[in-house]
């Protein structure tokens, strides 16, 4: 397993980004999915990683700098062929370490609610993320939730 900065021109990375978009649209009512598409992931404030296993893209994840020493985790997705292998946990640790190394003191994320999101929520909560207030332009609804992790 190799985790490195993603090449957004890589067709395998693009395919997993497209898969992320598709599954978020299926799992959230219209207007309630905020996963970044390829154009959103090219924002200079966003850093994207890919995890490769045996030359295949197994997972992607991104960090968006928000200012005031805060950042948001975006677009975490593991390819279905690689679920339950610890890949998402490894990717999350990479993102947390990068944030900490770059002076971020608070990591936040917005995600959906319901059974589709339970595995991701379990991972985040296991790592110390806790439910909290909305941030940025998000509003809390019946379809989403915001989690935060304070970094020291």
N, C-alpha and C. Protein backbone atom coordinates (compact mmCIF):
# COMPACT_ATOMS: atom_id res chain seq x y z
N UNK A 1 0.86 -1.18 0.00
CA UNK A 1 0.00 0.00 0.00
C UNK A 1 0.90 1.24 0.00
N UNK A 2 0.66 2.12 -0.95
CA UNK A 2 1.43 3.35 -1.08
C UNK A 2 0.47 4.53 -1.09
N UNK A 3 0.69 5.48 -0.19
CA UNK A 3 -0.11 6.70 -0.14
C UNK A 3 0.77 7.85 -0.61
N UNK A 4 0.27 8.59 -1.61
CA UNK A 4 1.03 9.71 -2.17
C UNK A 4 0.06 10.74 -2.70
N UNK A 5 0.60 11.93 -3.00
CA UNK A 5 -0.24 12.94 -3.62
C UNK A 5 -0.83 12.38 -4.91
N UNK A 6 -2.09 12.67 -5.16
CA UNK A 6 -2.79 12.12 -6.32
C UNK A 6 -2.46 12.91 -7.57
N UNK A 7 -2.39 12.21 -8.68
CA UNK A 7 -2.29 12.82 -9.99
C UNK A 7 -3.72 12.89 -10.54
N UNK A 8 -4.30 14.09 -10.56
CA UNK A 8 -5.69 14.24 -10.98
C UNK A 8 -5.90 13.98 -12.46
N UNK A 9 -4.81 13.84 -13.23
CA UNK A 9 -4.92 13.49 -14.64
C UNK A 9 -4.95 11.96 -14.84
N UNK A 10 -4.67 11.21 -13.79
CA UNK A 10 -4.65 9.75 -13.86
C UNK A 10 -6.08 9.24 -14.05
N UNK A 11 -6.35 8.47 -15.10
CA UNK A 11 -7.70 7.98 -15.35
C UNK A 11 -8.27 7.15 -14.19
N UNK A 12 -7.42 6.42 -13.46
CA UNK A 12 -7.91 5.63 -12.32
C UNK A 12 -8.34 6.54 -11.17
N UNK A 13 -7.61 7.61 -10.95
CA UNK A 13 -8.00 8.59 -9.93
C UNK A 13 -9.31 9.25 -10.35
N UNK A 14 -9.40 9.64 -11.61
CA UNK A 14 -10.62 10.27 -12.11
C UNK A 14 -11.82 9.32 -11.99
N UNK A 15 -11.61 8.04 -12.23
CA UNK A 15 -12.70 7.07 -12.13
C UNK A 15 -13.20 6.96 -10.69
N UNK A 16 -12.29 6.99 -9.73
CA UNK A 16 -12.72 6.91 -8.33
C UNK A 16 -13.41 8.20 -7.89
N UNK A 17 -12.96 9.34 -8.40
CA UNK A 17 -13.65 10.60 -8.13
C UNK A 17 -15.07 10.55 -8.69
N UNK A 18 -15.22 10.03 -9.91
CA UNK A 18 -16.55 9.91 -10.52
C UNK A 18 -17.43 8.95 -9.72
N UNK A 19 -16.84 7.86 -9.24
CA UNK A 19 -17.58 6.90 -8.41
C UNK A 19 -18.04 7.58 -7.12
N UNK A 20 -17.17 8.39 -6.52
CA UNK A 20 -17.53 9.14 -5.30
C UNK A 20 -18.74 10.02 -5.58
N UNK A 21 -18.71 10.74 -6.68
CA UNK A 21 -19.82 11.61 -7.03
C UNK A 21 -21.11 10.81 -7.20
N UNK A 22 -21.03 9.69 -7.89
CA UNK A 22 -22.21 8.87 -8.15
C UNK A 22 -22.80 8.32 -6.86
N UNK A 23 -21.97 7.79 -5.98
CA UNK A 23 -22.49 7.21 -4.75
C UNK A 23 -23.04 8.27 -3.81
N UNK A 24 -22.45 9.45 -3.80
CA UNK A 24 -22.98 10.52 -2.96
C UNK A 24 -24.33 11.00 -3.47
N UNK A 25 -24.50 11.04 -4.78
CA UNK A 25 -25.79 11.43 -5.34
C UNK A 25 -26.87 10.40 -5.01
N UNK A 26 -26.48 9.12 -4.97
CA UNK A 26 -27.43 8.06 -4.64
C UNK A 26 -27.78 8.05 -3.17
N UNK A 27 -26.83 8.45 -2.32
CA UNK A 27 -27.02 8.36 -0.88
C UNK A 27 -27.54 9.63 -0.23
N UNK A 28 -27.70 10.71 -0.98
CA UNK A 28 -28.14 11.98 -0.42
C UNK A 28 -29.24 12.56 -1.30
N UNK A 29 -30.20 13.22 -0.68
CA UNK A 29 -31.23 13.88 -1.50
C UNK A 29 -30.60 14.97 -2.36
N UNK A 30 -31.26 15.35 -3.45
CA UNK A 30 -30.72 16.41 -4.31
C UNK A 30 -30.38 17.67 -3.51
N UNK A 31 -29.20 18.21 -3.80
CA UNK A 31 -28.76 19.43 -3.12
C UNK A 31 -28.11 19.19 -1.78
N UNK A 32 -27.91 17.92 -1.38
CA UNK A 32 -27.34 17.63 -0.07
C UNK A 32 -26.02 16.87 -0.15
N UNK A 33 -25.43 16.75 -1.33
CA UNK A 33 -24.13 16.12 -1.47
C UNK A 33 -23.11 17.21 -1.77
N UNK A 34 -22.04 17.23 -0.96
CA UNK A 34 -21.04 18.28 -1.10
C UNK A 34 -19.65 17.72 -1.41
N UNK A 35 -19.60 16.47 -1.90
CA UNK A 35 -18.32 15.88 -2.29
C UNK A 35 -17.76 16.67 -3.47
N UNK A 36 -16.47 16.93 -3.45
CA UNK A 36 -15.85 17.69 -4.53
C UNK A 36 -15.72 16.84 -5.79
N UNK A 37 -16.06 17.42 -6.92
CA UNK A 37 -15.82 16.77 -8.20
C UNK A 37 -14.39 17.11 -8.65
N UNK A 38 -14.03 16.66 -9.83
CA UNK A 38 -12.67 16.87 -10.32
C UNK A 38 -12.30 18.35 -10.34
N UNK A 39 -13.22 19.22 -10.79
CA UNK A 39 -12.89 20.64 -10.84
C UNK A 39 -12.70 21.21 -9.43
N UNK A 40 -13.50 20.77 -8.47
CA UNK A 40 -13.34 21.24 -7.10
C UNK A 40 -12.05 20.77 -6.46
N UNK A 41 -11.60 19.59 -6.85
CA UNK A 41 -10.36 19.05 -6.30
C UNK A 41 -9.12 19.72 -6.86
N UNK A 42 -9.26 20.50 -7.94
CA UNK A 42 -8.11 21.23 -8.50
C UNK A 42 -7.91 22.59 -7.83
N UNK A 43 -8.79 22.97 -6.92
CA UNK A 43 -8.66 24.23 -6.18
C UNK A 43 -7.29 24.26 -5.49
N UNK A 44 -6.55 25.37 -5.56
CA UNK A 44 -5.23 25.44 -4.92
C UNK A 44 -5.26 25.23 -3.40
N UNK A 45 -6.42 25.42 -2.78
CA UNK A 45 -6.54 25.21 -1.34
C UNK A 45 -6.75 23.74 -0.98
N UNK A 46 -6.81 22.88 -2.00
CA UNK A 46 -7.11 21.46 -1.79
C UNK A 46 -5.88 20.61 -2.12
N UNK A 47 -5.57 19.68 -1.23
CA UNK A 47 -4.52 18.69 -1.44
C UNK A 47 -5.20 17.33 -1.50
N UNK A 48 -4.86 16.54 -2.51
CA UNK A 48 -5.52 15.25 -2.72
C UNK A 48 -4.47 14.13 -2.66
N UNK A 49 -4.84 13.05 -1.98
CA UNK A 49 -3.99 11.87 -1.90
C UNK A 49 -4.70 10.70 -2.53
N UNK A 50 -3.92 9.77 -3.04
CA UNK A 50 -4.43 8.49 -3.53
C UNK A 50 -3.65 7.37 -2.85
N UNK A 51 -4.35 6.32 -2.53
CA UNK A 51 -3.71 5.11 -1.99
C UNK A 51 -3.73 4.08 -3.11
N UNK A 52 -2.57 3.53 -3.40
CA UNK A 52 -2.46 2.49 -4.43
C UNK A 52 -2.11 1.16 -3.77
N UNK A 53 -2.77 0.14 -4.27
CA UNK A 53 -2.48 -1.24 -3.86
C UNK A 53 -2.30 -2.03 -5.14
N UNK A 54 -1.15 -2.65 -5.30
CA UNK A 54 -0.87 -3.43 -6.50
C UNK A 54 -1.18 -2.65 -7.77
N UNK A 55 -0.72 -1.42 -7.82
CA UNK A 55 -0.88 -0.55 -9.00
C UNK A 55 -2.32 -0.13 -9.29
N UNK A 56 -3.22 -0.35 -8.35
CA UNK A 56 -4.62 0.10 -8.52
C UNK A 56 -4.89 1.21 -7.51
N UNK A 57 -5.72 2.17 -7.89
CA UNK A 57 -6.13 3.22 -6.95
C UNK A 57 -7.18 2.62 -6.04
N UNK A 58 -6.84 2.51 -4.76
CA UNK A 58 -7.72 1.88 -3.78
C UNK A 58 -8.56 2.91 -3.03
N UNK A 59 -8.05 4.13 -2.90
CA UNK A 59 -8.78 5.16 -2.14
C UNK A 59 -8.25 6.53 -2.51
N UNK A 60 -9.11 7.53 -2.28
CA UNK A 60 -8.72 8.93 -2.42
C UNK A 60 -9.24 9.70 -1.22
N UNK A 61 -8.60 10.80 -0.94
CA UNK A 61 -9.05 11.70 0.11
C UNK A 61 -8.40 13.05 -0.09
N UNK A 62 -9.06 14.08 0.42
CA UNK A 62 -8.56 15.44 0.20
C UNK A 62 -8.68 16.26 1.47
N UNK A 63 -7.88 17.30 1.52
CA UNK A 63 -7.91 18.27 2.62
C UNK A 63 -8.02 19.65 2.00
N UNK A 64 -9.00 20.40 2.46
CA UNK A 64 -9.21 21.77 1.96
C UNK A 64 -8.89 22.74 3.09
N UNK A 65 -7.94 23.63 2.86
CA UNK A 65 -7.59 24.64 3.84
C UNK A 65 -8.70 25.69 3.89
N UNK A 66 -9.12 26.03 5.11
CA UNK A 66 -10.21 26.99 5.29
C UNK A 66 -9.74 28.30 5.88
N UNK A 67 -8.53 28.38 6.38
CA UNK A 67 -8.04 29.58 7.05
C UNK A 67 -8.23 29.45 8.55
N UNK A 68 -7.66 30.39 9.29
CA UNK A 68 -7.75 30.38 10.76
C UNK A 68 -7.35 29.04 11.36
N UNK A 69 -6.33 28.41 10.76
CA UNK A 69 -5.79 27.14 11.23
C UNK A 69 -6.83 26.02 11.24
N UNK A 70 -7.81 26.13 10.35
CA UNK A 70 -8.83 25.10 10.22
C UNK A 70 -8.80 24.53 8.80
N UNK A 71 -9.10 23.25 8.69
CA UNK A 71 -9.16 22.58 7.38
C UNK A 71 -10.31 21.58 7.40
N UNK A 72 -10.75 21.24 6.19
CA UNK A 72 -11.87 20.32 6.03
C UNK A 72 -11.44 19.09 5.25
N UNK A 73 -11.77 17.92 5.76
CA UNK A 73 -11.55 16.69 5.02
C UNK A 73 -12.67 16.56 3.99
N UNK A 74 -12.28 16.30 2.74
CA UNK A 74 -13.22 16.22 1.62
C UNK A 74 -13.03 14.90 0.87
N UNK A 75 -14.10 14.41 0.33
CA UNK A 75 -14.09 13.37 -0.71
C UNK A 75 -13.31 12.12 -0.36
N UNK A 76 -13.42 11.65 0.87
CA UNK A 76 -12.80 10.38 1.22
C UNK A 76 -13.63 9.26 0.57
N UNK A 77 -12.97 8.37 -0.15
CA UNK A 77 -13.68 7.26 -0.77
C UNK A 77 -12.72 6.10 -0.97
N UNK A 78 -13.14 4.92 -0.57
CA UNK A 78 -12.40 3.69 -0.83
C UNK A 78 -13.12 2.93 -1.93
N UNK A 79 -12.37 2.43 -2.89
CA UNK A 79 -12.95 1.62 -3.96
C UNK A 79 -13.56 0.37 -3.32
N UNK A 80 -14.73 -0.07 -3.79
CA UNK A 80 -15.39 -1.23 -3.18
C UNK A 80 -14.53 -2.49 -3.11
N UNK A 81 -13.61 -2.67 -4.05
CA UNK A 81 -12.74 -3.86 -4.03
C UNK A 81 -11.76 -3.86 -2.87
N UNK A 82 -11.62 -2.72 -2.18
CA UNK A 82 -10.59 -2.60 -1.14
C UNK A 82 -11.15 -2.28 0.24
N UNK A 83 -12.45 -2.47 0.43
CA UNK A 83 -13.06 -2.15 1.72
C UNK A 83 -12.58 -3.11 2.81
N UNK A 84 -12.58 -2.62 4.03
CA UNK A 84 -12.26 -3.37 5.24
C UNK A 84 -10.85 -3.96 5.25
N UNK A 85 -9.92 -3.17 4.71
CA UNK A 85 -8.50 -3.57 4.72
C UNK A 85 -7.64 -2.56 5.46
N UNK A 86 -8.26 -1.57 6.09
CA UNK A 86 -7.50 -0.55 6.81
C UNK A 86 -6.99 0.57 5.92
N UNK A 87 -7.40 0.59 4.66
CA UNK A 87 -6.90 1.59 3.72
C UNK A 87 -7.42 2.98 4.07
N UNK A 88 -8.70 3.08 4.38
CA UNK A 88 -9.26 4.39 4.74
C UNK A 88 -8.62 4.92 6.02
N UNK A 89 -8.36 4.04 6.97
CA UNK A 89 -7.71 4.48 8.22
C UNK A 89 -6.31 5.00 7.94
N UNK A 90 -5.58 4.34 7.07
CA UNK A 90 -4.23 4.79 6.69
C UNK A 90 -4.30 6.14 6.00
N UNK A 91 -5.24 6.30 5.09
CA UNK A 91 -5.41 7.57 4.39
C UNK A 91 -5.79 8.68 5.35
N UNK A 92 -6.70 8.40 6.27
CA UNK A 92 -7.11 9.40 7.25
C UNK A 92 -5.92 9.82 8.11
N UNK A 93 -5.09 8.89 8.51
CA UNK A 93 -3.89 9.23 9.29
C UNK A 93 -2.94 10.12 8.49
N UNK A 94 -2.79 9.85 7.20
CA UNK A 94 -1.95 10.68 6.33
C UNK A 94 -2.47 12.11 6.32
N UNK A 95 -3.78 12.26 6.17
CA UNK A 95 -4.38 13.59 6.12
C UNK A 95 -4.23 14.30 7.46
N UNK A 96 -4.47 13.59 8.56
CA UNK A 96 -4.32 14.19 9.89
C UNK A 96 -2.88 14.61 10.13
N UNK A 97 -1.93 13.76 9.79
CA UNK A 97 -0.51 14.09 9.97
C UNK A 97 -0.13 15.32 9.14
N UNK A 98 -0.58 15.38 7.88
CA UNK A 98 -0.31 16.53 7.02
C UNK A 98 -0.87 17.80 7.65
N UNK A 99 -2.11 17.72 8.13
CA UNK A 99 -2.75 18.89 8.74
C UNK A 99 -1.94 19.35 9.96
N UNK A 100 -1.61 18.43 10.82
CA UNK A 100 -0.85 18.77 12.02
C UNK A 100 0.50 19.38 11.65
N UNK A 101 1.19 18.76 10.69
CA UNK A 101 2.51 19.26 10.26
C UNK A 101 2.43 20.65 9.64
N UNK A 102 1.25 21.04 9.16
CA UNK A 102 1.08 22.35 8.53
C UNK A 102 0.33 23.34 9.41
N UNK A 103 0.34 23.09 10.71
CA UNK A 103 -0.18 24.05 11.67
C UNK A 103 -1.69 24.10 11.82
N UNK A 104 -2.40 23.14 11.25
CA UNK A 104 -3.85 23.10 11.40
C UNK A 104 -4.16 22.65 12.83
N UNK A 105 -5.06 23.36 13.48
CA UNK A 105 -5.43 23.00 14.85
C UNK A 105 -6.82 22.38 14.96
N UNK A 106 -7.61 22.50 13.87
CA UNK A 106 -8.94 21.90 13.88
C UNK A 106 -9.27 21.35 12.51
N UNK A 107 -9.61 20.06 12.50
CA UNK A 107 -10.09 19.41 11.28
C UNK A 107 -11.59 19.23 11.38
N UNK A 108 -12.28 19.53 10.31
CA UNK A 108 -13.72 19.39 10.28
C UNK A 108 -14.12 18.60 9.04
N UNK A 109 -15.30 18.06 9.07
CA UNK A 109 -15.85 17.43 7.89
C UNK A 109 -17.36 17.44 7.96
N UNK A 110 -17.97 17.43 6.79
CA UNK A 110 -19.42 17.33 6.66
C UNK A 110 -19.68 16.03 5.94
N UNK A 111 -20.63 15.25 6.45
CA UNK A 111 -20.97 13.99 5.82
C UNK A 111 -22.45 13.72 5.97
N UNK A 112 -22.91 12.74 5.26
CA UNK A 112 -24.32 12.39 5.29
C UNK A 112 -24.69 11.63 6.55
N UNK A 113 -25.95 11.28 6.61
CA UNK A 113 -26.43 10.45 7.71
C UNK A 113 -27.19 9.27 7.11
N UNK A 114 -27.33 8.24 7.88
CA UNK A 114 -28.01 7.04 7.41
C UNK A 114 -27.03 5.90 7.22
N UNK A 115 -27.55 4.72 6.93
CA UNK A 115 -26.73 3.50 6.86
C UNK A 115 -25.56 3.56 5.88
N UNK A 116 -25.72 4.24 4.76
CA UNK A 116 -24.64 4.33 3.78
C UNK A 116 -23.39 4.97 4.39
N UNK A 117 -23.57 5.85 5.36
CA UNK A 117 -22.46 6.60 5.93
C UNK A 117 -21.92 5.99 7.24
N UNK A 118 -22.57 4.95 7.75
CA UNK A 118 -22.17 4.38 9.04
C UNK A 118 -20.71 3.92 9.09
N UNK A 119 -20.19 3.21 8.08
CA UNK A 119 -18.78 2.80 8.17
C UNK A 119 -17.81 4.00 8.27
N UNK A 120 -18.04 5.04 7.48
CA UNK A 120 -17.17 6.21 7.54
C UNK A 120 -17.30 6.89 8.90
N UNK A 121 -18.52 7.02 9.39
CA UNK A 121 -18.72 7.66 10.69
C UNK A 121 -18.01 6.89 11.79
N UNK A 122 -18.05 5.57 11.73
CA UNK A 122 -17.36 4.75 12.73
C UNK A 122 -15.85 5.02 12.68
N UNK A 123 -15.29 5.11 11.47
CA UNK A 123 -13.86 5.40 11.32
C UNK A 123 -13.52 6.76 11.92
N UNK A 124 -14.29 7.78 11.57
CA UNK A 124 -14.01 9.12 12.08
C UNK A 124 -14.13 9.16 13.60
N UNK A 125 -15.17 8.58 14.13
CA UNK A 125 -15.37 8.62 15.59
C UNK A 125 -14.29 7.82 16.31
N UNK A 126 -13.87 6.71 15.74
CA UNK A 126 -12.79 5.92 16.33
C UNK A 126 -11.51 6.74 16.42
N UNK A 127 -11.31 7.62 15.46
CA UNK A 127 -10.11 8.45 15.43
C UNK A 127 -10.23 9.70 16.32
N UNK A 128 -11.44 9.93 16.90
CA UNK A 128 -11.60 11.05 17.83
C UNK A 128 -12.47 12.18 17.34
N UNK A 129 -12.98 12.10 16.13
CA UNK A 129 -13.90 13.14 15.64
C UNK A 129 -15.19 13.07 16.44
N UNK A 130 -15.76 14.23 16.71
CA UNK A 130 -17.01 14.31 17.46
C UNK A 130 -18.01 15.19 16.72
N UNK A 131 -19.28 14.85 16.86
CA UNK A 131 -20.33 15.67 16.25
C UNK A 131 -20.25 17.08 16.81
N UNK A 132 -20.56 18.06 15.96
CA UNK A 132 -20.51 19.44 16.40
C UNK A 132 -21.31 20.34 15.49
N UNK A 133 -21.04 21.60 15.65
CA UNK A 133 -21.79 22.63 14.93
C UNK A 133 -21.42 22.65 13.45
N UNK A 134 -22.31 23.23 12.67
CA UNK A 134 -22.04 23.44 11.25
C UNK A 134 -20.88 24.44 11.13
N UNK A 135 -20.17 24.38 10.03
CA UNK A 135 -19.06 25.30 9.79
C UNK A 135 -19.10 25.73 8.34
N UNK A 136 -18.36 26.78 8.02
CA UNK A 136 -18.34 27.28 6.65
C UNK A 136 -19.74 27.60 6.18
N UNK A 137 -20.07 27.15 4.98
CA UNK A 137 -21.38 27.42 4.39
C UNK A 137 -22.39 26.31 4.68
N UNK A 138 -21.99 25.29 5.46
CA UNK A 138 -22.90 24.18 5.74
C UNK A 138 -23.98 24.58 6.73
N UNK A 139 -25.11 23.93 6.58
CA UNK A 139 -26.20 23.99 7.56
C UNK A 139 -26.51 22.56 7.94
N UNK A 140 -26.81 22.33 9.21
CA UNK A 140 -27.19 21.00 9.64
C UNK A 140 -28.64 20.74 9.25
N UNK A 141 -28.89 19.54 8.70
CA UNK A 141 -30.23 19.13 8.31
C UNK A 141 -30.42 17.68 8.77
N UNK A 142 -31.55 17.11 8.42
CA UNK A 142 -31.79 15.69 8.72
C UNK A 142 -30.91 14.78 7.87
N UNK A 143 -30.25 15.33 6.85
CA UNK A 143 -29.51 14.53 5.89
C UNK A 143 -27.99 14.61 6.05
N UNK A 144 -27.51 15.44 7.00
CA UNK A 144 -26.07 15.57 7.14
C UNK A 144 -25.69 15.79 8.59
N UNK A 145 -24.40 15.81 8.82
CA UNK A 145 -23.84 16.09 10.14
C UNK A 145 -22.42 16.61 9.95
N UNK A 146 -21.94 17.34 10.94
CA UNK A 146 -20.58 17.87 10.92
C UNK A 146 -19.82 17.27 12.08
N UNK A 147 -18.59 16.90 11.82
CA UNK A 147 -17.71 16.34 12.84
C UNK A 147 -16.44 17.17 12.89
N UNK A 148 -15.81 17.20 14.07
CA UNK A 148 -14.62 17.99 14.28
C UNK A 148 -13.59 17.22 15.10
N UNK A 149 -12.33 17.50 14.85
CA UNK A 149 -11.23 16.94 15.62
C UNK A 149 -10.27 18.07 15.94
N UNK A 150 -10.04 18.28 17.23
CA UNK A 150 -9.07 19.27 17.67
C UNK A 150 -7.68 18.65 17.64
N UNK A 151 -6.74 19.31 16.97
CA UNK A 151 -5.37 18.84 16.89
C UNK A 151 -4.51 19.66 17.84
N UNK A 152 -3.59 19.01 18.51
CA UNK A 152 -2.71 19.76 19.42
C UNK A 152 -1.35 19.96 18.81
